[in-house]
Amino acid sequence: MPLASTGELVTRAAAARSAVASFNIITLEHVEAVVAGAESVNAPVVLQVSENAVGFHRGRLLPLARAAVAAAESATVPVALHLDHVRSETLLRQAPEAGFSSVMYDASRLPYEANLAATRAAVRWAHARGLWIEAELGRIGGKDGRDGPAGPPPDAHAPGARTDPDEARAFVAGSGVDALAVAVGSAHAMTTRTAALDHTLLRRLSGVLDVPLVLHGSSGVPDGELAAAVAGGIAKVNVGTALNIAMTAAIREFLGAHPEAVDPRRYLAAGREAMAGTVAAFVRVLAPGAAGGPASA
């Protein structure tokens, strides 16, 4: 089917008090696994390409983006493309022609006023081209768990970091963004699902903001916490590390059992299947009406 719009998927999810699962892709196997997992539970999904993933592909966006577009157009469920954590103006400007309907513009390393100004300018440019824009306050996902250097706001997902509701309301109003990623206790690159979210703060943020809320770093959030976050106002949930954990574990297991294997199709197939199962499991939690989810069990 035709490419879906991230904004439309998230808006519908917010109205239904559910959330769209958005998965970061790195390889073609990631793309195929996300689509297969979403199809298995008959639910829409967002394929996300981060600036880091583009860097892994030697700075070239189009090869992975075109594979994602082709997979989306042959899918039996709505699939949208989202460009994630974009700091490069050059990369931002490639988004429309590459098939992306949305961008998470990341100026969070800048002090608040500079972040606001840069995000406002990006929003103007993007909206003129039909792009839906997500942003954040502070840096989401501190992969090393540390605060940023003096000057910028602390890492939005460092221990104890939280989004201030009043500042968030001013930022959304001043920038014109379509969605805001909020810091309520998750962290990027977690390999254990032990994060505890601040649901009281999330309800406050949901009450003062008139745009959909996004949760980054969701791989480390247990199912119950994710379900409560969706009930509290989260409408888009980003997942990346969980796919890589599933893929790596399956490949290790396969190669351990088949040390003679040299054909990558054999072990990549195992990794792809494991990722598809992970996708389906997350979608069932975030969209209870999905096949096999609580509402259809």
C-alpha atoms as a PDB file:
ATOM      1  CA  MET A   1       0.000   0.000   0.000  1.00  0.00           C
ATOM      2  CA  PRO A   2       1.129   3.626  -0.342  1.00  0.00           C
ATOM      3  CA  LEU A   3       3.480   5.079   2.237  1.00  0.00           C
ATOM      4  CA  ALA A   4       1.623   6.163   5.350  1.00  0.00           C
ATOM      5  CA  SER A   5       2.098   9.488   7.115  1.00  0.00           C
ATOM      6  CA  THR A   6       3.719   9.370  10.546  1.00  0.00           C
ATOM      7  CA  GLY A   7       1.665  12.353  11.669  1.00  0.00           C
ATOM      8  CA  GLU A   8      -1.602  10.696  10.682  1.00  0.00           C
ATOM      9  CA  LEU A   9      -0.669   7.409  12.381  1.00  0.00           C
ATOM     10  CA  VAL A  10       0.347   9.146  15.605  1.00  0.00           C
ATOM     11  CA  THR A  11      -2.689  11.440  15.622  1.00  0.00           C
ATOM     12  CA  ARG A  12      -5.038   8.477  15.218  1.00  0.00           C
ATOM     13  CA  ALA A  13      -3.231   6.569  17.939  1.00  0.00           C
ATOM     14  CA  ALA A  14      -3.454   9.511  20.334  1.00  0.00           C
ATOM     15  CA  ALA A  15      -7.195   9.805  19.719  1.00  0.00           C
ATOM     16  CA  ALA A  16      -7.598   6.077  20.426  1.00  0.00           C
ATOM     17  CA  ARG A  17      -5.403   6.226  23.570  1.00  0.00           C
ATOM     18  CA  SER A  18      -2.946   3.818  21.978  1.00  0.00           C
ATOM     19  CA  ALA A  19       0.546   4.320  20.580  1.00  0.00           C
ATOM     20  CA  VAL A  20       2.356   3.747  17.312  1.00  0.00           C
ATOM     21  CA  ALA A  21       5.434   1.551  17.634  1.00  0.00           C
ATOM     22  CA  SER A  22       8.395   3.134  15.865  1.00  0.00           C
ATOM     23  CA  PHE A  23      11.442   0.949  15.269  1.00  0.00           C
ATOM     24  CA  ASN A  24      14.947   2.070  14.387  1.00  0.00           C
ATOM     25  CA  ILE A  25      16.307   0.186  11.391  1.00  0.00           C
ATOM     26  CA  ILE A  26      19.941  -0.354  10.443  1.00  0.00           C
ATOM     27  CA  THR A  27      20.003  -3.173   7.878  1.00  0.00           C
ATOM     28  CA  LEU A  28      17.643  -4.606   5.293  1.00  0.00           C
ATOM     29  CA  GLU A  29      16.945  -7.409   7.763  1.00  0.00           C
ATOM     30  CA  HIS A  30      15.694  -4.801  10.254  1.00  0.00           C
ATOM     31  CA  VAL A  31      13.357  -3.389   7.608  1.00  0.00           C
ATOM     32  CA  GLU A  32      11.941  -6.771   6.673  1.00  0.00           C
ATOM     33  CA  ALA A  33      11.584  -7.845  10.309  1.00  0.00           C
ATOM     34  CA  VAL A  34       9.695  -4.721  11.351  1.00  0.00           C
ATOM     35  CA  VAL A  35       7.256  -5.010   8.471  1.00  0.00           C
ATOM     36  CA  ALA A  36       6.766  -8.758   9.024  1.00  0.00           C
ATOM     37  CA  GLY A  37       6.202  -8.253  12.751  1.00  0.00           C
ATOM     38  CA  ALA A  38       3.663  -5.510  12.155  1.00  0.00           C
ATOM     39  CA  GLU A  39       1.856  -7.596   9.533  1.00  0.00           C
ATOM     40  CA  SER A  40       1.672 -10.557  11.909  1.00  0.00           C
ATOM     41  CA  VAL A  41      -0.434  -8.498  14.332  1.00  0.00           C
ATOM     42  CA  ASN A  42      -2.160  -6.389  11.649  1.00  0.00           C
ATOM     43  CA  ALA A  43      -1.007  -3.030  13.017  1.00  0.00           C
ATOM     44  CA  PRO A  44       0.592   0.096  11.545  1.00  0.00           C
ATOM     45  CA  VAL A  45       4.239   0.775  12.222  1.00  0.00           C
ATOM     46  CA  VAL A  46       6.916   3.421  11.696  1.00  0.00           C
ATOM     47  CA  LEU A  47      10.347   2.640  10.260  1.00  0.00           C
ATOM     48  CA  GLN A  48      12.926   5.022  11.723  1.00  0.00           C
ATOM     49  CA  VAL A  49      16.358   5.835  10.299  1.00  0.00           C
ATOM     50  CA  SER A  50      18.624   7.692  12.685  1.00  0.00           C
ATOM     51  CA  GLU A  51      21.434  10.016  11.728  1.00  0.00           C
ATOM     52  CA  ASN A  52      23.763   7.479  13.361  1.00  0.00           C
ATOM     53  CA  ALA A  53      22.445   4.761  11.037  1.00  0.00           C
ATOM     54  CA  VAL A  54      23.083   7.012   8.047  1.00  0.00           C
ATOM     55  CA  GLY A  55      26.623   7.454   9.321  1.00  0.00           C
ATOM     56  CA  PHE A  56      27.018   3.668   9.505  1.00  0.00           C
ATOM     57  CA  HIS A  57      26.038   3.536   5.835  1.00  0.00           C
ATOM     58  CA  ARG A  58      28.890   5.936   5.040  1.00  0.00           C
ATOM     59  CA  GLY A  59      26.688   8.996   5.088  1.00  0.00           C
ATOM     60  CA  ARG A  60      24.335   7.750   2.378  1.00  0.00           C
ATOM     61  CA  LEU A  61      20.635   7.952   3.232  1.00  0.00           C
ATOM     62  CA  LEU A  62      19.081   6.743   0.000  1.00  0.00           C
ATOM     63  CA  PRO A  63      20.074   3.038  -0.125  1.00  0.00           C
ATOM     64  CA  LEU A  64      18.399   2.203   3.212  1.00  0.00           C
ATOM     65  CA  ALA A  65      15.567   4.693   2.633  1.00  0.00           C
ATOM     66  CA  ARG A  66      14.723   3.219  -0.767  1.00  0.00           C
ATOM     67  CA  ALA A  67      14.693  -0.284   0.698  1.00  0.00           C
ATOM     68  CA  ALA A  68      12.349   0.936   3.423  1.00  0.00           C
ATOM     69  CA  VAL A  69      10.057   2.619   0.882  1.00  0.00           C
ATOM     70  CA  ALA A  70       9.895  -0.544  -1.206  1.00  0.00           C
ATOM     71  CA  ALA A  71       9.090  -2.659   1.855  1.00  0.00           C
ATOM     72  CA  ALA A  72       6.433  -0.198   2.998  1.00  0.00           C
ATOM     73  CA  GLU A  73       4.757  -0.109  -0.400  1.00  0.00           C
ATOM     74  CA  SER A  74       4.501  -3.889  -0.507  1.00  0.00           C
ATOM     75  CA  ALA A  75       3.287  -4.206   3.093  1.00  0.00           C
ATOM     76  CA  THR A  76      -0.258  -5.209   4.020  1.00  0.00           C
ATOM     77  CA  VAL A  77      -0.351  -2.709   6.909  1.00  0.00           C
ATOM     78  CA  PRO A  78       0.302   1.052   6.934  1.00  0.00           C
ATOM     79  CA  VAL A  79       4.020   1.815   7.194  1.00  0.00           C
ATOM     80  CA  ALA A  80       5.533   5.283   7.567  1.00  0.00           C
ATOM     81  CA  LEU A  81       9.133   6.503   7.397  1.00  0.00           C
ATOM     82  CA  HIS A  82      10.660   8.750  10.058  1.00  0.00           C
ATOM     83  CA  LEU A  83      14.120  10.332  10.121  1.00  0.00           C
ATOM     84  CA  ASP A  84      15.335  10.176  13.725  1.00  0.00           C
ATOM     85  CA  HIS A  85      17.637  12.410  15.806  1.00  0.00           C
ATOM     86  CA  VAL A  86      18.642  14.640  12.914  1.00  0.00           C
ATOM     87  CA  ARG A  87      21.228  17.304  13.687  1.00  0.00           C
ATOM     88  CA  SER A  88      22.604  17.784  10.193  1.00  0.00           C
ATOM     89  CA  GLU A  89      20.847  20.436   8.130  1.00  0.00           C
ATOM     90  CA  THR A  90      22.010  18.619   5.001  1.00  0.00           C
ATOM     91  CA  LEU A  91      20.357  15.405   6.130  1.00  0.00           C
ATOM     92  CA  LEU A  92      17.181  17.218   7.142  1.00  0.00           C
ATOM     93  CA  ARG A  93      16.842  18.583   3.631  1.00  0.00           C
ATOM     94  CA  GLN A  94      17.090  15.115   2.093  1.00  0.00           C
ATOM     95  CA  ALA A  95      14.041  13.848   3.977  1.00  0.00           C
ATOM     96  CA  PRO A  96      11.169  14.787   1.612  1.00  0.00           C
ATOM     97  CA  GLU A  97      12.697  13.357  -1.554  1.00  0.00           C
ATOM     98  CA  ALA A  98      13.777  10.184   0.259  1.00  0.00           C
ATOM     99  CA  GLY A  99      10.202   9.301   1.232  1.00  0.00           C
ATOM    100  CA  PHE A 100      10.132  10.453   4.841  1.00  0.00           C
ATOM    101  CA  SER A 101       6.950  12.050   6.123  1.00  0.00           C
ATOM    102  CA  SER A 102       8.440  13.069   9.459  1.00  0.00           C
ATOM    103  CA  VAL A 103      11.670  14.092  11.153  1.00  0.00           C
ATOM    104  CA  MET A 104      12.803  14.215  14.749  1.00  0.00           C
ATOM    105  CA  TYR A 105      14.904  17.382  14.680  1.00  0.00           C
ATOM    106  CA  ASP A 106      17.468  17.259  17.466  1.00  0.00           C
ATOM    107  CA  ALA A 107      18.898  20.584  18.622  1.00  0.00           C
ATOM    108  CA  SER A 108      18.929  19.391  22.221  1.00  0.00           C
ATOM    109  CA  ARG A 109      22.657  19.851  22.643  1.00  0.00           C
ATOM    110  CA  LEU A 110      22.098  23.568  22.479  1.00  0.00           C
ATOM    111  CA  PRO A 111      21.048  25.749  25.414  1.00  0.00           C
ATOM    112  CA  TYR A 112      17.286  26.234  25.621  1.00  0.00           C
ATOM    113  CA  GLU A 113      16.978  29.490  23.653  1.00  0.00           C
ATOM    114  CA  ALA A 114      19.276  28.274  20.887  1.00  0.00           C
ATOM    115  CA  ASN A 115      17.415  24.953  20.765  1.00  0.00           C
ATOM    116  CA  LEU A 116      14.137  26.822  20.455  1.00  0.00           C
ATOM    117  CA  ALA A 117      15.421  29.076  17.670  1.00  0.00           C
ATOM    118  CA  ALA A 118      16.972  26.227  15.688  1.00  0.00           C
ATOM    119  CA  THR A 119      13.887  24.045  16.078  1.00  0.00           C
ATOM    120  CA  ARG A 120      11.573  26.894  15.063  1.00  0.00           C
ATOM    121  CA  ALA A 121      13.599  27.419  11.869  1.00  0.00           C
ATOM    122  CA  ALA A 122      13.568  23.681  11.104  1.00  0.00           C
ATOM    123  CA  VAL A 123       9.805  23.541  11.655  1.00  0.00           C
ATOM    124  CA  ARG A 124       9.192  26.413   9.235  1.00  0.00           C
ATOM    125  CA  TRP A 125      11.273  24.710   6.558  1.00  0.00           C
ATOM    126  CA  ALA A 126       9.727  21.295   7.170  1.00  0.00           C
ATOM    127  CA  HIS A 127       6.103  22.406   7.352  1.00  0.00           C
ATOM    128  CA  ALA A 128       6.482  24.194   4.017  1.00  0.00           C
ATOM    129  CA  ARG A 129       7.315  20.779   2.563  1.00  0.00           C
ATOM    130  CA  GLY A 130       4.646  18.786   4.352  1.00  0.00           C
ATOM    131  CA  LEU A 131       6.878  17.196   6.973  1.00  0.00           C
ATOM    132  CA  TRP A 132       5.668  16.416  10.506  1.00  0.00           C
ATOM    133  CA  ILE A 133       8.243  17.443  13.100  1.00  0.00           C
ATOM    134  CA  GLU A 134       9.109  15.936  16.471  1.00  0.00           C
ATOM    135  CA  ALA A 135      11.562  17.565  18.893  1.00  0.00           C
ATOM    136  CA  GLU A 136      12.764  17.268  22.478  1.00  0.00           C
ATOM    137  CA  LEU A 137      14.065  19.287  25.399  1.00  0.00           C
ATOM    138  CA  GLY A 138      17.414  18.236  26.741  1.00  0.00           C
ATOM    139  CA  ARG A 139      19.261  15.319  25.254  1.00  0.00           C
ATOM    140  CA  ILE A 140      17.269  12.119  25.209  1.00  0.00           C
ATOM    141  CA  GLY A 141      19.058   8.905  25.653  1.00  0.00           C
ATOM    142  CA  GLY A 142      22.454   9.524  27.259  1.00  0.00           C
ATOM    143  CA  LYS A 143      24.047   6.327  26.120  1.00  0.00           C
ATOM    144  CA  ASP A 144      26.649   6.734  28.840  1.00  0.00           C
ATOM    145  CA  GLY A 145      24.104   7.997  31.368  1.00  0.00           C
ATOM    146  CA  ARG A 146      25.981  11.259  31.921  1.00  0.00           C
ATOM    147  CA  ASP A 147      24.843  14.839  31.878  1.00  0.00           C
ATOM    148  CA  GLY A 148      25.955  17.068  29.066  1.00  0.00           C
ATOM    149  CA  PRO A 149      28.791  19.603  29.310  1.00  0.00           C
ATOM    150  CA  ALA A 150      28.284  22.876  31.095  1.00  0.00           C
ATOM    151  CA  GLY A 151      25.860  25.127  29.260  1.00  0.00           C
ATOM    152  CA  PRO A 152      23.370  22.811  27.535  1.00  0.00           C
ATOM    153  CA  PRO A 153      20.523  21.243  29.483  1.00  0.00           C
ATOM    154  CA  PRO A 154      21.298  17.908  31.142  1.00  0.00           C
ATOM    155  CA  ASP A 155      20.786  14.768  29.133  1.00  0.00           C
ATOM    156  CA  ALA A 156      17.030  14.294  29.122  1.00  0.00           C
ATOM    157  CA  HIS A 157      17.383  10.621  30.001  1.00  0.00           C
ATOM    158  CA  ALA A 158      20.265  10.793  32.437  1.00  0.00           C
ATOM    159  CA  PRO A 159      19.355   9.503  35.891  1.00  0.00           C
ATOM    160  CA  GLY A 160      16.911  11.920  37.469  1.00  0.00           C
ATOM    161  CA  ALA A 161      16.478  14.113  34.383  1.00  0.00           C
ATOM    162  CA  ARG A 162      12.872  15.109  33.709  1.00  0.00           C
ATOM    163  CA  THR A 163      10.975  17.389  31.327  1.00  0.00           C
ATOM    164  CA  ASP A 164       9.582  20.490  33.001  1.00  0.00           C
ATOM    165  CA  PRO A 165       5.891  20.939  32.064  1.00  0.00           C
ATOM    166  CA  ASP A 166       5.984  24.742  31.961  1.00  0.00           C
ATOM    167  CA  GLU A 167       9.131  24.803  29.857  1.00  0.00           C
ATOM    168  CA  ALA A 168       7.695  22.130  27.566  1.00  0.00           C
ATOM    169  CA  ARG A 169       4.500  24.119  27.027  1.00  0.00           C
ATOM    170  CA  ALA A 170       6.510  27.241  26.148  1.00  0.00           C
ATOM    171  CA  PHE A 171       8.787  25.269  23.835  1.00  0.00           C
ATOM    172  CA  VAL A 172       5.915  23.693  21.914  1.00  0.00           C
ATOM    173  CA  ALA A 173       4.140  27.035  21.556  1.00  0.00           C
ATOM    174  CA  GLY A 174       7.300  28.839  20.512  1.00  0.00           C
ATOM    175  CA  SER A 175       8.639  26.262  18.079  1.00  0.00           C
ATOM    176  CA  GLY A 176       5.462  24.988  16.436  1.00  0.00           C
ATOM    177  CA  VAL A 177       6.529  21.328  16.647  1.00  0.00           C
ATOM    178  CA  ASP A 178       3.970  18.614  15.996  1.00  0.00           C
ATOM    179  CA  ALA A 179       5.119  16.237  18.771  1.00  0.00           C
ATOM    180  CA  LEU A 180       7.428  16.348  21.764  1.00  0.00           C
ATOM    181  CA  ALA A 181       9.673  13.623  23.140  1.00  0.00           C
ATOM    182  CA  VAL A 182       9.573  13.866  26.921  1.00  0.00           C
ATOM    183  CA  ALA A 183      11.986  12.692  29.616  1.00  0.00           C
ATOM    184  CA  VAL A 184      10.089  10.651  32.182  1.00  0.00           C
ATOM    185  CA  GLY A 185      12.621   7.999  33.152  1.00  0.00           C
ATOM    186  CA  SER A 186      13.608   5.938  30.111  1.00  0.00           C
ATOM    187  CA  ALA A 187      17.091   5.832  28.572  1.00  0.00           C
ATOM    188  CA  HIS A 188      18.586   4.966  25.232  1.00  0.00           C
ATOM    189  CA  ALA A 189      20.592   1.772  24.692  1.00  0.00           C
ATOM    190  CA  MET A 190      19.320  -0.076  27.763  1.00  0.00           C
ATOM    191  CA  THR A 191      19.887  -3.831  27.499  1.00  0.00           C
ATOM    192  CA  THR A 192      17.679  -4.733  30.473  1.00  0.00           C
ATOM    193  CA  ARG A 193      13.997  -3.842  30.813  1.00  0.00           C
ATOM    194  CA  THR A 194      14.225  -2.249  34.238  1.00  0.00           C
ATOM    195  CA  ALA A 195      13.312   1.422  33.667  1.00  0.00           C
ATOM    196  CA  ALA A 196      10.650   2.887  35.958  1.00  0.00           C
ATOM    197  CA  LEU A 197       8.726   5.811  34.485  1.00  0.00           C
ATOM    198  CA  ASP A 198       7.458   8.907  36.281  1.00  0.00           C
ATOM    199  CA  HIS A 199       3.766   8.502  35.515  1.00  0.00           C
ATOM    200  CA  THR A 200       2.722  11.453  37.661  1.00  0.00           C
ATOM    201  CA  LEU A 201       4.909  13.754  35.598  1.00  0.00           C
ATOM    202  CA  LEU A 202       3.686  12.165  32.380  1.00  0.00           C
ATOM    203  CA  ARG A 203       0.080  12.931  33.305  1.00  0.00           C
ATOM    204  CA  ARG A 204       1.042  16.548  34.035  1.00  0.00           C
ATOM    205  CA  LEU A 205       2.789  16.856  30.685  1.00  0.00           C
ATOM    206  CA  SER A 206      -0.159  15.329  28.874  1.00  0.00           C
ATOM    207  CA  GLY A 207      -2.454  17.783  30.615  1.00  0.00           C
ATOM    208  CA  VAL A 208      -0.563  20.919  29.570  1.00  0.00           C
ATOM    209  CA  LEU A 209       0.576  19.973  26.049  1.00  0.00           C
ATOM    210  CA  ASP A 210      -1.691  19.888  23.009  1.00  0.00           C
ATOM    211  CA  VAL A 211       0.645  17.790  20.835  1.00  0.00           C
ATOM    212  CA  PRO A 212       1.265  14.022  20.940  1.00  0.00           C
ATOM    213  CA  LEU A 213       3.941  12.860  23.359  1.00  0.00           C
ATOM    214  CA  VAL A 214       6.779  10.530  22.389  1.00  0.00           C
ATOM    215  CA  LEU A 215       8.791   8.110  24.523  1.00  0.00           C
ATOM    216  CA  HIS A 216      12.376   7.491  23.475  1.00  0.00           C
ATOM    217  CA  GLY A 217      14.579   4.740  24.849  1.00  0.00           C
ATOM    218  CA  SER A 218      11.702   2.299  25.209  1.00  0.00           C
ATOM    219  CA  SER A 219      13.723  -0.901  24.843  1.00  0.00           C
ATOM    220  CA  GLY A 220      14.494  -0.748  28.556  1.00  0.00           C
ATOM    221  CA  VAL A 221      10.899  -0.183  29.683  1.00  0.00           C
ATOM    222  CA  PRO A 222       8.904  -3.228  30.910  1.00  0.00           C
ATOM    223  CA  ASP A 223       5.565  -4.047  29.307  1.00  0.00           C
ATOM    224  CA  GLY A 224       3.513  -2.852  32.270  1.00  0.00           C
ATOM    225  CA  GLU A 225       5.315   0.478  32.350  1.00  0.00           C
ATOM    226  CA  LEU A 226       4.819   0.910  28.610  1.00  0.00           C
ATOM    227  CA  ALA A 227       1.106   0.173  28.851  1.00  0.00           C
ATOM    228  CA  ALA A 228       0.779   2.679  31.692  1.00  0.00           C
ATOM    229  CA  ALA A 229       2.708   5.271  29.672  1.00  0.00           C
ATOM    230  CA  VAL A 230       0.304   4.879  26.758  1.00  0.00           C
ATOM    231  CA  ALA A 231      -2.638   5.254  29.133  1.00  0.00           C
ATOM    232  CA  GLY A 232      -0.935   8.391  30.459  1.00  0.00           C
ATOM    233  CA  GLY A 233      -0.630  10.079  27.073  1.00  0.00           C
ATOM    234  CA  ILE A 234       2.302   8.614  25.113  1.00  0.00           C
ATOM    235  CA  ALA A 235       1.290   8.189  21.454  1.00  0.00           C
ATOM    236  CA  LYS A 236       4.591   7.210  19.788  1.00  0.00           C
ATOM    237  CA  VAL A 237       7.083   4.776  21.283  1.00  0.00           C
ATOM    238  CA  ASN A 238      10.620   4.472  19.902  1.00  0.00           C
ATOM    239  CA  VAL A 239      12.366   1.098  20.046  1.00  0.00           C
ATOM    240  CA  GLY A 240      15.828   0.282  18.742  1.00  0.00           C
ATOM    241  CA  THR A 241      18.120  -1.640  21.065  1.00  0.00           C
ATOM    242  CA  ALA A 242      15.555  -4.403  21.665  1.00  0.00           C
ATOM    243  CA  LEU A 243      15.746  -5.339  17.991  1.00  0.00           C
ATOM    244  CA  ASN A 244      19.532  -5.481  18.084  1.00  0.00           C
ATOM    245  CA  ILE A 245      19.462  -7.647  21.213  1.00  0.00           C
ATOM    246  CA  ALA A 246      17.088 -10.094  19.533  1.00  0.00           C
ATOM    247  CA  MET A 247      19.089 -10.193  16.309  1.00  0.00           C
ATOM    248  CA  THR A 248      22.446 -10.645  18.008  1.00  0.00           C
ATOM    249  CA  ALA A 249      21.219 -13.355  20.382  1.00  0.00           C
ATOM    250  CA  ALA A 250      19.648 -15.351  17.541  1.00  0.00           C
ATOM    251  CA  ILE A 251      22.774 -15.123  15.391  1.00  0.00           C
ATOM    252  CA  ARG A 252      25.002 -16.145  18.302  1.00  0.00           C
ATOM    253  CA  GLU A 253      22.774 -19.115  19.025  1.00  0.00           C
ATOM    254  CA  PHE A 254      22.711 -20.184  15.393  1.00  0.00           C
ATOM    255  CA  LEU A 255      26.482 -19.939  14.947  1.00  0.00           C
ATOM    256  CA  GLY A 256      27.045 -21.745  18.224  1.00  0.00           C
ATOM    257  CA  ALA A 257      24.906 -24.629  16.987  1.00  0.00           C
ATOM    258  CA  HIS A 258      26.327 -24.471  13.456  1.00  0.00           C
ATOM    259  CA  PRO A 259      30.000 -23.477  13.706  1.00  0.00           C
ATOM    260  CA  GLU A 260      30.542 -24.636  10.139  1.00  0.00           C
ATOM    261  CA  ALA A 261      28.069 -22.065   8.742  1.00  0.00           C
ATOM    262  CA  VAL A 262      29.473 -19.484   6.354  1.00  0.00           C
ATOM    263  CA  ASP A 263      26.353 -18.530   4.366  1.00  0.00           C
ATOM    264  CA  PRO A 264      25.085 -15.283   5.948  1.00  0.00           C
ATOM    265  CA  ARG A 265      21.568 -15.983   4.716  1.00  0.00           C
ATOM    266  CA  ARG A 266      21.247 -18.785   7.245  1.00  0.00           C
ATOM    267  CA  TYR A 267      22.159 -16.821  10.343  1.00  0.00           C
ATOM    268  CA  LEU A 268      20.674 -13.521   9.167  1.00  0.00           C
ATOM    269  CA  ALA A 269      17.362 -15.331   8.653  1.00  0.00           C
ATOM    270  CA  ALA A 270      17.465 -16.380  12.303  1.00  0.00           C
ATOM    271  CA  GLY A 271      18.179 -12.810  13.345  1.00  0.00           C
ATOM    272  CA  ARG A 272      15.413 -11.440  11.159  1.00  0.00           C
ATOM    273  CA  GLU A 273      12.867 -13.889  12.568  1.00  0.00           C
ATOM    274  CA  ALA A 274      13.843 -13.007  16.136  1.00  0.00           C
ATOM    275  CA  MET A 275      13.446  -9.301  15.447  1.00  0.00           C
ATOM    276  CA  ALA A 276      10.029  -9.851  13.875  1.00  0.00           C
ATOM    277  CA  GLY A 277       8.900 -11.585  17.055  1.00  0.00           C
ATOM    278  CA  THR A 278      10.169  -8.676  19.144  1.00  0.00           C
ATOM    279  CA  VAL A 279       8.286  -6.210  16.949  1.00  0.00           C
ATOM    280  CA  ALA A 280       5.032  -8.136  17.341  1.00  0.00           C
ATOM    281  CA  ALA A 281       5.456  -8.318  21.108  1.00  0.00           C
ATOM    282  CA  PHE A 282       5.952  -4.558  21.455  1.00  0.00           C
ATOM    283  CA  VAL A 283       3.032  -3.744  19.162  1.00  0.00           C
ATOM    284  CA  ARG A 284       0.683  -5.951  21.169  1.00  0.00           C
ATOM    285  CA  VAL A 285       1.520  -3.958  24.298  1.00  0.00           C
ATOM    286  CA  LEU A 286       1.200  -0.522  22.681  1.00  0.00           C
ATOM    287  CA  ALA A 287      -1.885  -1.173  20.538  1.00  0.00           C
ATOM    288  CA  PRO A 288      -4.157  -3.545  22.509  1.00  0.00           C
ATOM    289  CA  GLY A 289      -6.430  -3.988  19.503  1.00  0.00           C
ATOM    290  CA  ALA A 290      -3.628  -5.601  17.497  1.00  0.00           C
ATOM    291  CA  ALA A 291      -4.022  -9.300  16.658  1.00  0.00           C
ATOM    292  CA  GLY A 292      -3.104 -11.307  19.710  1.00  0.00           C
ATOM    293  CA  GLY A 293      -3.205  -8.270  21.984  1.00  0.00           C
ATOM    294  CA  PRO A 294      -5.253  -7.965  25.174  1.00  0.00           C
ATOM    295  CA  ALA A 295      -8.321  -6.601  23.408  1.00  0.00           C
ATOM    296  CA  SER A 296      -8.430  -9.463  20.906  1.00  0.00           C
ATOM    297  CA  ALA A 297      -7.233 -12.312  23.121  1.00  0.00           C
END
